[in-house]
Amino acid sequence: MDSKPCPSKFSQEIKTLLEQLAHRPLTLAHILSETSERGFSLVIGLLVLPFLFPMPPGVTTLLGPACLLLSLQMTLGRRSPWLPRRVAQLQFPSVLARQVLSNLSRVTRLTERVVRPRLTKIAGSAHVWQINGLCMSWLTLLLMAPIPMTNPIPTVGILIFVIATLEADGLMMCLGYAATGLTTGMFGLLIYGLWRSPDLIMRWLQ
């Protein structure tokens, strides 16, 4: 029988961060130090969650690279996350941090009704950890692609991996692989459509 302690729920970690936010501003370095290995997925979730909502231009260029750097480290098998000091010490404005954490808390309260430790041999595999990192890296690249109104599509896929990894849900990870494939197909069709659109417009005008 497995004697390992069950990891704390994602929502509990969010609640703890919200309580700490009342006393001091949060930085990525602080979040990573508080959450250790789970900080990979937690910080990636914090970085991408805003993209579910309308974002001002240029924000992707700030949050996307940090998300990509962390997910690439997962792909390489790292268990201790690293960020450049300048990025790690970047403070989340209190209002923005509270809004993001509150939104993430609502999301996790819903998902935790269906997400739980399943297929734990898959979820705990070092190779699966790297595959999840690779999928999140690819979805982050799609998130950073300059295609209007597409941000929420790869964001949903990344959040599936975030929650599945934090809750050790191998079945949810399989759903993430399916979402990665569907998202890749959708972006392929979009790019093909944009590439062909001048020809289609010219034919319509003729």
N, C-alpha and C. Protein backbone atom coordinates (compact mmCIF):
# COMPACT_ATOMS: atom_id res chain seq x y z
N MET A 1 0.85 -1.21 0.00
CA MET A 1 0.00 0.00 0.00
C MET A 1 0.88 1.25 0.00
N ASP A 2 0.48 2.23 -0.75
CA ASP A 2 1.24 3.46 -0.87
C ASP A 2 1.09 4.28 0.39
N SER A 3 2.22 4.60 1.05
CA SER A 3 2.19 5.34 2.30
C SER A 3 2.51 6.81 2.14
N LYS A 4 2.67 7.27 0.91
CA LYS A 4 3.00 8.67 0.68
C LYS A 4 1.81 9.55 1.06
N PRO A 5 2.08 10.72 1.70
CA PRO A 5 0.99 11.59 2.05
C PRO A 5 0.36 12.22 0.83
N CYS A 6 -0.93 12.36 0.88
CA CYS A 6 -1.65 12.97 -0.24
C CYS A 6 -1.32 14.45 -0.33
N PRO A 7 -0.93 14.99 -1.50
CA PRO A 7 -0.60 16.40 -1.59
C PRO A 7 -1.81 17.27 -1.31
N SER A 8 -1.52 18.47 -0.79
CA SER A 8 -2.61 19.38 -0.47
C SER A 8 -3.34 19.78 -1.74
N LYS A 9 -4.61 20.07 -1.59
CA LYS A 9 -5.40 20.48 -2.73
C LYS A 9 -4.90 21.80 -3.30
N PHE A 10 -5.01 21.91 -4.63
CA PHE A 10 -4.60 23.12 -5.32
C PHE A 10 -5.31 24.34 -4.73
N SER A 11 -6.61 24.20 -4.45
CA SER A 11 -7.39 25.33 -3.92
C SER A 11 -6.86 25.78 -2.57
N GLN A 12 -6.32 24.84 -1.76
CA GLN A 12 -5.76 25.22 -0.47
C GLN A 12 -4.50 26.06 -0.64
N GLU A 13 -3.69 25.71 -1.65
CA GLU A 13 -2.49 26.50 -1.91
C GLU A 13 -2.85 27.90 -2.38
N ILE A 14 -3.90 28.02 -3.20
CA ILE A 14 -4.36 29.32 -3.65
C ILE A 14 -4.85 30.14 -2.45
N LYS A 15 -5.59 29.50 -1.56
CA LYS A 15 -6.10 30.18 -0.37
C LYS A 15 -4.94 30.70 0.48
N THR A 16 -3.89 29.89 0.63
CA THR A 16 -2.72 30.31 1.41
C THR A 16 -2.05 31.52 0.79
N LEU A 17 -1.92 31.50 -0.55
CA LEU A 17 -1.30 32.64 -1.24
C LEU A 17 -2.14 33.90 -1.08
N LEU A 18 -3.46 33.76 -1.13
CA LEU A 18 -4.34 34.92 -0.94
C LEU A 18 -4.18 35.49 0.45
N GLU A 19 -4.03 34.63 1.45
CA GLU A 19 -3.84 35.11 2.82
C GLU A 19 -2.50 35.83 2.96
N GLN A 20 -1.46 35.30 2.31
CA GLN A 20 -0.15 35.95 2.37
C GLN A 20 -0.15 37.28 1.64
N LEU A 21 -0.97 37.37 0.59
CA LEU A 21 -1.04 38.60 -0.20
C LEU A 21 -1.55 39.77 0.63
N ALA A 22 -2.30 39.49 1.67
CA ALA A 22 -2.82 40.56 2.54
C ALA A 22 -1.70 41.24 3.32
N HIS A 23 -0.54 40.57 3.44
CA HIS A 23 0.55 41.11 4.25
C HIS A 23 1.72 41.63 3.43
N ARG A 24 1.90 41.10 2.23
CA ARG A 24 3.02 41.57 1.40
C ARG A 24 2.76 41.23 -0.05
N PRO A 25 3.38 42.00 -0.99
CA PRO A 25 3.21 41.69 -2.41
C PRO A 25 3.85 40.35 -2.74
N LEU A 26 3.28 39.67 -3.72
CA LEU A 26 3.81 38.38 -4.14
C LEU A 26 4.77 38.54 -5.31
N THR A 27 5.83 37.75 -5.31
CA THR A 27 6.72 37.66 -6.45
C THR A 27 6.73 36.20 -6.92
N LEU A 28 7.17 35.99 -8.15
CA LEU A 28 7.26 34.63 -8.66
C LEU A 28 8.24 33.81 -7.82
N ALA A 29 9.33 34.44 -7.36
CA ALA A 29 10.31 33.74 -6.53
C ALA A 29 9.67 33.26 -5.23
N HIS A 30 8.84 34.11 -4.64
CA HIS A 30 8.18 33.73 -3.38
C HIS A 30 7.23 32.56 -3.60
N ILE A 31 6.45 32.62 -4.68
CA ILE A 31 5.50 31.53 -4.96
C ILE A 31 6.25 30.23 -5.20
N LEU A 32 7.37 30.28 -5.94
CA LEU A 32 8.14 29.08 -6.22
C LEU A 32 8.74 28.50 -4.94
N SER A 33 9.21 29.38 -4.05
CA SER A 33 9.82 28.89 -2.80
C SER A 33 8.76 28.27 -1.89
N GLU A 34 7.54 28.78 -1.96
CA GLU A 34 6.47 28.29 -1.10
C GLU A 34 5.93 26.93 -1.58
N THR A 35 6.01 26.68 -2.87
CA THR A 35 5.33 25.52 -3.44
C THR A 35 6.28 24.45 -3.97
N SER A 36 7.60 24.73 -3.97
CA SER A 36 8.60 23.73 -4.34
C SER A 36 8.33 23.17 -5.74
N GLU A 37 8.37 21.83 -5.89
CA GLU A 37 8.20 21.20 -7.20
C GLU A 37 6.85 21.55 -7.81
N ARG A 38 5.81 21.65 -6.96
CA ARG A 38 4.47 21.99 -7.44
C ARG A 38 4.43 23.42 -7.97
N GLY A 39 5.48 24.21 -7.66
CA GLY A 39 5.54 25.59 -8.15
C GLY A 39 5.59 25.69 -9.65
N PHE A 40 6.16 24.68 -10.32
CA PHE A 40 6.15 24.67 -11.78
C PHE A 40 4.74 24.90 -12.30
N SER A 41 3.85 23.99 -11.94
CA SER A 41 2.50 24.05 -12.47
C SER A 41 1.72 25.22 -11.89
N LEU A 42 1.92 25.52 -10.61
CA LEU A 42 1.19 26.61 -9.98
C LEU A 42 1.49 27.94 -10.65
N VAL A 43 2.78 28.23 -10.86
CA VAL A 43 3.15 29.51 -11.48
C VAL A 43 2.71 29.56 -12.94
N ILE A 44 2.84 28.43 -13.66
CA ILE A 44 2.36 28.40 -15.04
C ILE A 44 0.86 28.71 -15.08
N GLY A 45 0.11 28.14 -14.14
CA GLY A 45 -1.32 28.42 -14.06
C GLY A 45 -1.59 29.89 -13.81
N LEU A 46 -0.83 30.50 -12.91
CA LEU A 46 -1.00 31.93 -12.62
C LEU A 46 -0.67 32.79 -13.83
N LEU A 47 0.34 32.37 -14.59
CA LEU A 47 0.77 33.15 -15.75
C LEU A 47 -0.22 33.10 -16.90
N VAL A 48 -0.87 31.94 -17.09
CA VAL A 48 -1.74 31.80 -18.27
C VAL A 48 -3.20 32.11 -17.98
N LEU A 49 -3.62 32.03 -16.71
CA LEU A 49 -5.03 32.24 -16.41
C LEU A 49 -5.59 33.55 -16.96
N PRO A 50 -4.84 34.67 -16.88
CA PRO A 50 -5.39 35.92 -17.42
C PRO A 50 -5.81 35.85 -18.89
N PHE A 51 -5.23 34.90 -19.64
CA PHE A 51 -5.53 34.83 -21.06
C PHE A 51 -6.91 34.22 -21.35
N LEU A 52 -7.60 33.76 -20.31
CA LEU A 52 -8.98 33.34 -20.50
C LEU A 52 -9.90 34.54 -20.67
N PHE A 53 -9.39 35.71 -20.34
CA PHE A 53 -10.18 36.94 -20.37
C PHE A 53 -9.51 37.93 -21.32
N PRO A 54 -10.23 38.97 -21.77
CA PRO A 54 -9.63 39.96 -22.66
C PRO A 54 -8.39 40.58 -22.03
N MET A 55 -7.32 40.63 -22.80
CA MET A 55 -6.05 41.14 -22.30
C MET A 55 -5.59 42.32 -23.14
N PRO A 56 -4.93 43.33 -22.54
CA PRO A 56 -4.39 44.44 -23.32
C PRO A 56 -3.25 43.97 -24.20
N PRO A 57 -3.02 44.64 -25.34
CA PRO A 57 -1.94 44.23 -26.25
C PRO A 57 -0.59 44.23 -25.55
N GLY A 58 0.24 43.27 -25.90
CA GLY A 58 1.60 43.22 -25.37
C GLY A 58 1.78 42.38 -24.13
N VAL A 59 0.68 42.00 -23.47
CA VAL A 59 0.80 41.23 -22.23
C VAL A 59 1.38 39.85 -22.51
N THR A 60 1.02 39.27 -23.65
CA THR A 60 1.52 37.95 -24.00
C THR A 60 3.04 37.93 -24.05
N THR A 61 3.64 39.03 -24.52
CA THR A 61 5.09 39.09 -24.63
C THR A 61 5.76 39.16 -23.27
N LEU A 62 5.02 39.50 -22.22
CA LEU A 62 5.58 39.55 -20.87
C LEU A 62 5.40 38.23 -20.13
N LEU A 63 4.19 37.68 -20.17
CA LEU A 63 3.90 36.46 -19.41
C LEU A 63 4.26 35.19 -20.16
N GLY A 64 4.11 35.22 -21.49
CA GLY A 64 4.37 34.03 -22.30
C GLY A 64 5.78 33.47 -22.15
N PRO A 65 6.83 34.31 -22.29
CA PRO A 65 8.19 33.76 -22.18
C PRO A 65 8.48 33.12 -20.83
N ALA A 66 7.96 33.69 -19.74
CA ALA A 66 8.18 33.08 -18.42
C ALA A 66 7.52 31.71 -18.34
N CYS A 67 6.31 31.60 -18.88
CA CYS A 67 5.61 30.32 -18.92
C CYS A 67 6.38 29.32 -19.77
N LEU A 68 6.88 29.77 -20.91
CA LEU A 68 7.64 28.90 -21.81
C LEU A 68 8.91 28.41 -21.15
N LEU A 69 9.60 29.29 -20.43
CA LEU A 69 10.84 28.91 -19.76
C LEU A 69 10.60 27.82 -18.72
N LEU A 70 9.54 27.97 -17.94
CA LEU A 70 9.23 26.97 -16.91
C LEU A 70 8.84 25.63 -17.53
N SER A 71 8.00 25.67 -18.56
CA SER A 71 7.55 24.42 -19.17
C SER A 71 8.70 23.71 -19.89
N LEU A 72 9.63 24.47 -20.46
CA LEU A 72 10.80 23.85 -21.09
C LEU A 72 11.69 23.17 -20.05
N GLN A 73 11.76 23.75 -18.85
CA GLN A 73 12.52 23.11 -17.78
C GLN A 73 11.88 21.78 -17.39
N MET A 74 10.55 21.73 -17.38
CA MET A 74 9.86 20.47 -17.13
C MET A 74 10.21 19.46 -18.23
N THR A 75 10.24 19.92 -19.47
CA THR A 75 10.57 19.05 -20.60
C THR A 75 11.95 18.42 -20.43
N LEU A 76 12.88 19.19 -19.86
CA LEU A 76 14.24 18.71 -19.65
C LEU A 76 14.37 17.86 -18.38
N GLY A 77 13.26 17.72 -17.65
CA GLY A 77 13.26 16.86 -16.47
C GLY A 77 13.62 17.54 -15.18
N ARG A 78 13.77 18.88 -15.18
CA ARG A 78 14.08 19.58 -13.94
C ARG A 78 12.91 19.49 -12.97
N ARG A 79 13.23 19.38 -11.69
CA ARG A 79 12.21 19.34 -10.65
C ARG A 79 12.25 20.60 -9.78
N SER A 80 13.33 21.35 -9.89
CA SER A 80 13.44 22.62 -9.16
C SER A 80 13.38 23.76 -10.16
N PRO A 81 12.29 24.54 -10.15
CA PRO A 81 12.13 25.59 -11.16
C PRO A 81 13.14 26.72 -10.97
N TRP A 82 13.52 27.33 -12.08
CA TRP A 82 14.45 28.46 -12.07
C TRP A 82 13.94 29.54 -13.00
N LEU A 83 14.05 30.79 -12.56
CA LEU A 83 13.74 31.94 -13.39
C LEU A 83 14.86 32.96 -13.25
N PRO A 84 15.15 33.74 -14.29
CA PRO A 84 16.13 34.82 -14.14
C PRO A 84 15.73 35.73 -12.98
N ARG A 85 16.72 36.23 -12.27
CA ARG A 85 16.44 37.01 -11.05
C ARG A 85 15.50 38.18 -11.32
N ARG A 86 15.70 38.85 -12.45
CA ARG A 86 14.86 40.00 -12.76
C ARG A 86 13.39 39.60 -12.90
N VAL A 87 13.16 38.43 -13.52
CA VAL A 87 11.79 37.94 -13.69
C VAL A 87 11.25 37.41 -12.36
N ALA A 88 12.10 36.68 -11.63
CA ALA A 88 11.67 36.08 -10.37
C ALA A 88 11.26 37.12 -9.34
N GLN A 89 11.93 38.29 -9.36
CA GLN A 89 11.63 39.33 -8.38
C GLN A 89 10.53 40.29 -8.83
N LEU A 90 9.97 40.03 -10.00
CA LEU A 90 8.87 40.87 -10.48
C LEU A 90 7.67 40.73 -9.57
N GLN A 91 7.18 41.84 -9.04
CA GLN A 91 6.06 41.81 -8.11
C GLN A 91 4.74 41.90 -8.86
N PHE A 92 3.81 41.02 -8.49
CA PHE A 92 2.46 41.13 -9.01
C PHE A 92 1.79 42.31 -8.30
N PRO A 93 1.22 43.27 -9.05
CA PRO A 93 0.42 44.29 -8.38
C PRO A 93 -0.65 43.62 -7.53
N SER A 94 -0.85 44.12 -6.31
CA SER A 94 -1.75 43.45 -5.36
C SER A 94 -3.14 43.23 -5.94
N VAL A 95 -3.67 44.24 -6.63
CA VAL A 95 -5.03 44.12 -7.17
C VAL A 95 -5.08 43.04 -8.24
N LEU A 96 -4.09 43.03 -9.14
CA LEU A 96 -4.05 42.02 -10.20
C LEU A 96 -3.85 40.63 -9.61
N ALA A 97 -2.93 40.50 -8.65
CA ALA A 97 -2.66 39.20 -8.04
C ALA A 97 -3.90 38.65 -7.35
N ARG A 98 -4.59 39.52 -6.63
CA ARG A 98 -5.80 39.08 -5.91
C ARG A 98 -6.87 38.63 -6.90
N GLN A 99 -7.01 39.38 -8.02
CA GLN A 99 -8.02 39.03 -9.03
C GLN A 99 -7.69 37.70 -9.69
N VAL A 100 -6.40 37.51 -10.05
CA VAL A 100 -5.99 36.27 -10.71
C VAL A 100 -6.16 35.09 -9.77
N LEU A 101 -5.72 35.23 -8.52
CA LEU A 101 -5.83 34.14 -7.56
C LEU A 101 -7.28 33.81 -7.26
N SER A 102 -8.12 34.85 -7.18
CA SER A 102 -9.54 34.60 -6.92
C SER A 102 -10.19 33.86 -8.08
N ASN A 103 -9.86 34.27 -9.32
CA ASN A 103 -10.40 33.57 -10.49
C ASN A 103 -9.91 32.13 -10.54
N LEU A 104 -8.62 31.93 -10.23
CA LEU A 104 -8.06 30.58 -10.24
C LEU A 104 -8.70 29.73 -9.15
N SER A 105 -9.00 30.35 -8.01
CA SER A 105 -9.66 29.62 -6.93
C SER A 105 -11.04 29.14 -7.35
N ARG A 106 -11.78 30.00 -8.07
CA ARG A 106 -13.11 29.60 -8.54
C ARG A 106 -13.01 28.44 -9.54
N VAL A 107 -12.03 28.53 -10.43
CA VAL A 107 -11.83 27.46 -11.41
C VAL A 107 -11.53 26.14 -10.72
N THR A 108 -10.62 26.18 -9.72
CA THR A 108 -10.22 24.95 -9.07
C THR A 108 -11.33 24.35 -8.21
N ARG A 109 -12.17 25.20 -7.64
CA ARG A 109 -13.28 24.66 -6.85
C ARG A 109 -14.23 23.85 -7.73
N LEU A 110 -14.36 24.28 -8.98
CA LEU A 110 -15.21 23.53 -9.92
C LEU A 110 -14.53 22.24 -10.38
N THR A 111 -13.24 22.35 -10.75
CA THR A 111 -12.55 21.19 -11.30
C THR A 111 -12.30 20.12 -10.25
N GLU A 112 -12.11 20.51 -8.99
CA GLU A 112 -11.81 19.52 -7.96
C GLU A 112 -12.98 18.60 -7.65
N ARG A 113 -14.16 18.93 -8.18
CA ARG A 113 -15.29 18.02 -8.03
C ARG A 113 -15.13 16.79 -8.90
N VAL A 114 -14.35 16.91 -9.98
CA VAL A 114 -14.17 15.78 -10.89
C VAL A 114 -12.72 15.32 -10.98
N VAL A 115 -11.78 16.15 -10.52
CA VAL A 115 -10.36 15.80 -10.61
C VAL A 115 -9.92 15.20 -9.28
N ARG A 116 -9.20 14.07 -9.36
CA ARG A 116 -8.69 13.40 -8.16
C ARG A 116 -7.54 12.49 -8.59
N PRO A 117 -6.74 12.02 -7.66
CA PRO A 117 -5.63 11.13 -8.04
C PRO A 117 -6.14 9.87 -8.73
N ARG A 118 -5.76 9.70 -10.00
CA ARG A 118 -6.14 8.53 -10.79
C ARG A 118 -4.98 8.14 -11.69
N LEU A 119 -4.90 6.87 -12.02
CA LEU A 119 -3.80 6.38 -12.86
C LEU A 119 -2.48 6.95 -12.34
N THR A 120 -2.24 6.75 -11.06
CA THR A 120 -1.12 7.41 -10.38
C THR A 120 0.25 6.96 -10.91
N LYS A 121 0.33 5.75 -11.46
CA LYS A 121 1.61 5.32 -12.05
C LYS A 121 1.96 6.19 -13.25
N ILE A 122 0.93 6.56 -14.01
CA ILE A 122 1.15 7.46 -15.14
C ILE A 122 1.48 8.86 -14.63
N ALA A 123 0.67 9.35 -13.69
CA ALA A 123 0.82 10.71 -13.20
C ALA A 123 2.17 10.93 -12.52
N GLY A 124 2.72 9.87 -11.90
CA GLY A 124 3.97 10.01 -11.18
C GLY A 124 5.22 9.68 -11.98
N SER A 125 5.04 9.33 -13.25
CA SER A 125 6.19 8.94 -14.08
C SER A 125 7.04 10.15 -14.46
N ALA A 126 8.36 9.99 -14.37
CA ALA A 126 9.27 11.06 -14.75
C ALA A 126 9.15 11.38 -16.23
N HIS A 127 8.92 10.34 -17.06
CA HIS A 127 8.78 10.57 -18.50
C HIS A 127 7.49 11.34 -18.80
N VAL A 128 6.42 11.03 -18.08
CA VAL A 128 5.15 11.75 -18.27
C VAL A 128 5.32 13.20 -17.86
N TRP A 129 6.08 13.45 -16.79
CA TRP A 129 6.39 14.83 -16.36
C TRP A 129 7.01 15.60 -17.52
N GLN A 130 7.96 14.97 -18.22
CA GLN A 130 8.62 15.63 -19.34
C GLN A 130 7.66 15.82 -20.52
N ILE A 131 6.83 14.81 -20.78
CA ILE A 131 5.86 14.92 -21.87
C ILE A 131 4.88 16.06 -21.59
N ASN A 132 4.43 16.16 -20.33
CA ASN A 132 3.52 17.25 -19.97
C ASN A 132 4.19 18.60 -20.18
N GLY A 133 5.47 18.69 -19.82
CA GLY A 133 6.20 19.93 -20.04
C GLY A 133 6.30 20.27 -21.51
N LEU A 134 6.54 19.24 -22.35
CA LEU A 134 6.62 19.46 -23.79
C LEU A 134 5.30 19.96 -24.35
N CYS A 135 4.19 19.34 -23.91
CA CYS A 135 2.88 19.77 -24.38
C CYS A 135 2.58 21.21 -23.96
N MET A 136 2.91 21.55 -22.71
CA MET A 136 2.67 22.92 -22.25
C MET A 136 3.56 23.92 -22.99
N SER A 137 4.79 23.52 -23.31
CA SER A 137 5.67 24.39 -24.09
C SER A 137 5.07 24.68 -25.46
N TRP A 138 4.58 23.62 -26.11
CA TRP A 138 3.98 23.77 -27.44
C TRP A 138 2.72 24.65 -27.37
N LEU A 139 1.88 24.40 -26.37
CA LEU A 139 0.66 25.21 -26.22
C LEU A 139 1.00 26.67 -25.91
N THR A 140 2.08 26.89 -25.17
CA THR A 140 2.51 28.26 -24.89
C THR A 140 2.96 28.97 -26.16
N LEU A 141 3.66 28.24 -27.03
CA LEU A 141 4.05 28.83 -28.32
C LEU A 141 2.81 29.21 -29.13
N LEU A 142 1.79 28.35 -29.11
CA LEU A 142 0.54 28.68 -29.81
C LEU A 142 -0.14 29.87 -29.15
N LEU A 143 -0.06 29.95 -27.82
CA LEU A 143 -0.63 31.09 -27.10
C LEU A 143 0.05 32.38 -27.52
N MET A 144 1.35 32.33 -27.77
CA MET A 144 2.11 33.52 -28.13
C MET A 144 2.00 33.86 -29.61
N ALA A 145 1.39 32.97 -30.40
CA ALA A 145 1.24 33.23 -31.84
C ALA A 145 0.36 34.46 -32.06
N PRO A 146 0.74 35.32 -33.00
CA PRO A 146 0.00 36.57 -33.22
C PRO A 146 -1.29 36.36 -34.02
N ILE A 147 -2.17 35.52 -33.51
CA ILE A 147 -3.46 35.27 -34.17
C ILE A 147 -4.55 35.82 -33.25
N PRO A 148 -5.28 36.84 -33.68
CA PRO A 148 -6.28 37.47 -32.79
C PRO A 148 -7.34 36.50 -32.30
N MET A 149 -7.80 36.72 -31.06
CA MET A 149 -8.95 36.04 -30.47
C MET A 149 -8.74 34.55 -30.23
N THR A 150 -7.47 34.10 -30.21
CA THR A 150 -7.23 32.66 -30.02
C THR A 150 -6.63 32.33 -28.66
N ASN A 151 -6.30 33.33 -27.85
CA ASN A 151 -5.62 33.07 -26.58
C ASN A 151 -6.31 32.03 -25.68
N PRO A 152 -7.65 32.08 -25.53
CA PRO A 152 -8.27 31.12 -24.60
C PRO A 152 -8.12 29.66 -25.02
N ILE A 153 -7.93 29.39 -26.32
CA ILE A 153 -7.91 28.00 -26.79
C ILE A 153 -6.71 27.24 -26.22
N PRO A 154 -5.45 27.68 -26.43
CA PRO A 154 -4.34 26.95 -25.81
C PRO A 154 -4.30 27.10 -24.30
N THR A 155 -4.86 28.21 -23.79
CA THR A 155 -4.86 28.43 -22.34
C THR A 155 -5.63 27.32 -21.63
N VAL A 156 -6.76 26.91 -22.19
CA VAL A 156 -7.55 25.83 -21.58
C VAL A 156 -6.73 24.55 -21.52
N GLY A 157 -6.01 24.24 -22.60
CA GLY A 157 -5.17 23.04 -22.63
C GLY A 157 -4.08 23.09 -21.57
N ILE A 158 -3.43 24.26 -21.43
CA ILE A 158 -2.37 24.40 -20.42
C ILE A 158 -2.94 24.22 -19.02
N LEU A 159 -4.11 24.80 -18.76
CA LEU A 159 -4.71 24.69 -17.43
C LEU A 159 -5.12 23.25 -17.12
N ILE A 160 -5.50 22.49 -18.14
CA ILE A 160 -5.81 21.07 -17.92
C ILE A 160 -4.57 20.36 -17.39
N PHE A 161 -3.41 20.61 -18.02
CA PHE A 161 -2.17 20.00 -17.55
C PHE A 161 -1.78 20.50 -16.16
N VAL A 162 -1.98 21.79 -15.92
CA VAL A 162 -1.64 22.37 -14.62
C VAL A 162 -2.40 21.65 -13.50
N ILE A 163 -3.71 21.56 -13.66
CA ILE A 163 -4.55 20.96 -12.62
C ILE A 163 -4.28 19.46 -12.52
N ALA A 164 -4.13 18.80 -13.67
CA ALA A 164 -3.87 17.35 -13.66
C ALA A 164 -2.55 17.03 -12.96
N THR A 165 -1.52 17.85 -13.20
CA THR A 165 -0.22 17.62 -12.58
C THR A 165 -0.28 17.88 -11.08
N LEU A 166 -0.95 18.96 -10.69
CA LEU A 166 -1.04 19.29 -9.27
C LEU A 166 -1.84 18.26 -8.48
N GLU A 167 -2.85 17.68 -9.12
CA GLU A 167 -3.73 16.73 -8.42
C GLU A 167 -3.38 15.28 -8.73
N ALA A 168 -2.26 15.06 -9.48
CA ALA A 168 -1.81 13.70 -9.80
C ALA A 168 -2.90 12.87 -10.46
N ASP A 169 -3.57 13.46 -11.44
CA ASP A 169 -4.68 12.80 -12.13
C ASP A 169 -4.21 12.38 -13.52
N GLY A 170 -3.83 11.11 -13.65
CA GLY A 170 -3.36 10.62 -14.94
C GLY A 170 -4.42 10.63 -16.02
N LEU A 171 -5.69 10.41 -15.63
CA LEU A 171 -6.77 10.44 -16.61
C LEU A 171 -6.94 11.84 -17.17
N MET A 172 -6.82 12.85 -16.30
CA MET A 172 -6.92 14.24 -16.75
C MET A 172 -5.76 14.59 -17.67
N MET A 173 -4.60 14.00 -17.42
CA MET A 173 -3.46 14.23 -18.31
C MET A 173 -3.75 13.70 -19.71
N CYS A 174 -4.40 12.53 -19.78
CA CYS A 174 -4.77 12.00 -21.09
C CYS A 174 -5.71 12.95 -21.81
N LEU A 175 -6.62 13.58 -21.06
CA LEU A 175 -7.50 14.60 -21.64
C LEU A 175 -6.67 15.77 -22.15
N GLY A 176 -5.61 16.10 -21.43
CA GLY A 176 -4.73 17.18 -21.87
C GLY A 176 -4.05 16.85 -23.18
N TYR A 177 -3.65 15.59 -23.37
CA TYR A 177 -3.02 15.20 -24.63
C TYR A 177 -4.03 15.34 -25.78
N ALA A 178 -5.27 14.95 -25.52
CA ALA A 178 -6.31 15.10 -26.54
C ALA A 178 -6.53 16.57 -26.86
N ALA A 179 -6.55 17.42 -25.82
CA ALA A 179 -6.75 18.86 -26.02
C ALA A 179 -5.59 19.46 -26.81
N THR A 180 -4.37 18.96 -26.55
CA THR A 180 -3.20 19.45 -27.30
C THR A 180 -3.34 19.11 -28.78
N GLY A 181 -3.78 17.90 -29.08
CA GLY A 181 -3.97 17.50 -30.47
C GLY A 181 -5.05 18.32 -31.15
N LEU A 182 -6.18 18.51 -30.49
CA LEU A 182 -7.28 19.30 -31.06
C LEU A 182 -6.85 20.75 -31.28
N THR A 183 -6.14 21.31 -30.29
CA THR A 183 -5.69 22.71 -30.42
C THR A 183 -4.71 22.86 -31.58
N THR A 184 -3.82 21.88 -31.72
CA THR A 184 -2.87 21.92 -32.83
C THR A 184 -3.60 21.87 -34.17
N GLY A 185 -4.61 21.00 -34.25
CA GLY A 185 -5.39 20.91 -35.48
C GLY A 185 -6.14 22.20 -35.78
N MET A 186 -6.73 22.81 -34.75
CA MET A 186 -7.47 24.06 -34.95
C MET A 186 -6.55 25.18 -35.43
N PHE A 187 -5.36 25.28 -34.83
CA PHE A 187 -4.41 26.31 -35.26
C PHE A 187 -3.91 26.03 -36.67
N GLY A 188 -3.73 24.75 -37.00
CA GLY A 188 -3.32 24.42 -38.35
C GLY A 188 -4.35 24.87 -39.38
N LEU A 189 -5.63 24.65 -39.08
CA LEU A 189 -6.70 25.10 -39.98
C LEU A 189 -6.76 26.61 -40.07
N LEU A 190 -6.57 27.28 -38.92
CA LEU A 190 -6.59 28.75 -38.92
C LEU A 190 -5.45 29.31 -39.77
N ILE A 191 -4.26 28.76 -39.58
CA ILE A 191 -3.11 29.25 -40.33
C ILE A 191 -3.29 28.97 -41.82
N TYR A 192 -3.81 27.79 -42.15
CA TYR A 192 -4.07 27.47 -43.55
C TYR A 192 -5.11 28.42 -44.14
N GLY A 193 -6.15 28.72 -43.35
CA GLY A 193 -7.18 29.64 -43.82
C GLY A 193 -6.64 31.04 -44.06
N LEU A 194 -5.77 31.51 -43.14
CA LEU A 194 -5.17 32.84 -43.31
C LEU A 194 -4.24 32.86 -44.52
N TRP A 195 -3.54 31.75 -44.74
CA TRP A 195 -2.62 31.68 -45.88
C TRP A 195 -3.38 31.69 -47.20
N ARG A 196 -4.53 31.02 -47.23
CA ARG A 196 -5.31 30.94 -48.46
C ARG A 196 -6.26 32.12 -48.65
N SER A 197 -6.48 32.92 -47.62
CA SER A 197 -7.50 33.97 -47.70
C SER A 197 -7.27 34.97 -48.83
N PRO A 198 -6.02 35.40 -49.14
CA PRO A 198 -5.88 36.33 -50.28
C PRO A 198 -6.37 35.72 -51.59
N ASP A 199 -6.05 34.44 -51.83
CA ASP A 199 -6.51 33.78 -53.06
C ASP A 199 -8.02 33.68 -53.10
N LEU A 200 -8.62 33.34 -51.93
CA LEU A 200 -10.07 33.19 -51.88
C LEU A 200 -10.76 34.54 -52.12
N ILE A 201 -10.18 35.61 -51.57
CA ILE A 201 -10.76 36.94 -51.76
C ILE A 201 -10.68 37.35 -53.22
N MET A 202 -9.52 37.08 -53.85
CA MET A 202 -9.35 37.43 -55.26
C MET A 202 -10.34 36.66 -56.14
N ARG A 203 -10.55 35.40 -55.85
CA ARG A 203 -11.51 34.61 -56.63
C ARG A 203 -12.91 35.14 -56.44
N TRP A 204 -13.24 35.53 -55.21
CA TRP A 204 -14.59 36.06 -54.95
C TRP A 204 -14.81 37.37 -55.67
N LEU A 205 -13.77 38.23 -55.75
CA LEU A 205 -13.88 39.51 -56.43
C LEU A 205 -14.02 39.33 -57.93
N GLN A 206 -13.42 38.25 -58.45
CA GLN A 206 -13.52 38.02 -59.90
C GLN A 206 -14.90 37.50 -60.27
